[in-house]
Amino acid sequence: MAKTTTEQETKKKAPAKKSKKTAVELTPEIREEQVRLAAYYRWEAKGKNHGRDLDDWCEAEDSMTD
């Protein structure tokens, strides 16, 4: 038995939906918080030595721009 046009149309697949990645604006506050956390984790990983906070901060900033 031949299929009718409506049967053929209903069996067509709908086009795949394209995933939209929402661009999150990186505000200065968010960026600072990310750098702060990265610097803290670097400090912890290096044995929690005091007096090298600026080095850890700069390394954290550099890692975010790579």
Protein backbone atom coordinates (compact mmCIF):
# COMPACT_ATOMS: atom_id res chain seq x y z
CA MET A 1 0.00 0.00 0.00
CA ALA A 2 1.41 3.42 -0.89
CA LYS A 3 2.03 5.92 1.81
CA THR A 4 0.21 9.17 1.70
CA THR A 5 1.99 12.49 1.72
CA THR A 6 1.02 13.20 5.33
CA GLU A 7 2.47 9.89 6.50
CA GLN A 8 5.74 10.62 4.74
CA GLU A 9 5.91 14.14 6.15
CA THR A 10 5.32 13.00 9.73
CA LYS A 11 8.13 10.45 9.53
CA LYS A 12 10.69 13.05 8.52
CA LYS A 13 13.12 13.83 11.27
CA ALA A 14 13.18 17.30 12.67
CA PRO A 15 16.48 19.11 12.14
CA ALA A 16 18.90 18.71 15.00
CA LYS A 17 18.87 21.56 17.43
CA LYS A 18 22.09 23.47 17.57
CA SER A 19 23.34 23.91 21.08
CA LYS A 20 23.76 27.53 21.95
CA LYS A 21 26.60 28.27 24.29
CA THR A 22 25.67 31.20 26.39
CA ALA A 23 28.57 33.57 26.63
CA VAL A 24 29.15 34.49 30.23
CA GLU A 25 30.54 37.93 30.63
CA LEU A 26 33.71 37.83 32.68
CA THR A 27 33.23 40.75 35.01
CA PRO A 28 36.21 42.13 36.94
CA GLU A 29 34.73 40.68 40.13
CA ILE A 30 34.40 37.18 38.67
CA ARG A 31 37.90 37.31 37.21
CA GLU A 32 39.35 38.47 40.53
CA GLU A 33 37.61 35.64 42.35
CA GLN A 34 39.00 33.11 39.86
CA VAL A 35 42.51 34.51 40.27
CA ARG A 36 42.11 34.51 44.06
CA LEU A 37 41.12 30.85 44.09
CA ALA A 38 43.88 29.86 41.67
CA ALA A 39 46.46 31.71 43.78
CA TYR A 40 45.19 30.04 46.93
CA TYR A 41 45.43 26.58 45.39
CA ARG A 42 48.97 27.35 44.18
CA TRP A 43 49.89 28.50 47.69
CA GLU A 44 48.47 25.28 49.15
CA ALA A 45 50.26 23.12 46.59
CA LYS A 46 53.57 24.81 47.36
CA GLY A 47 53.34 23.98 51.04
CA LYS A 48 51.58 27.11 52.37
CA ASN A 49 54.76 29.16 52.55
CA HIS A 50 54.13 32.72 53.66
CA GLY A 51 55.62 35.77 51.98
CA ARG A 52 55.23 34.54 48.37
CA ASP A 53 51.64 35.65 47.87
CA LEU A 54 52.46 38.09 45.07
CA ASP A 55 54.28 35.34 43.15
CA ASP A 56 51.29 33.01 43.51
CA TRP A 57 48.92 35.80 42.44
CA CYS A 58 50.96 36.66 39.35
CA GLU A 59 51.27 32.99 38.37
CA ALA A 60 47.51 32.59 38.77
CA GLU A 61 46.87 35.62 36.55
CA ASP A 62 49.32 34.33 33.95
CA SER A 63 47.64 30.92 33.91
CA MET A 64 44.28 32.55 33.13
CA THR A 65 45.61 34.39 30.09
CA ASP A 66 47.20 31.30 28.50
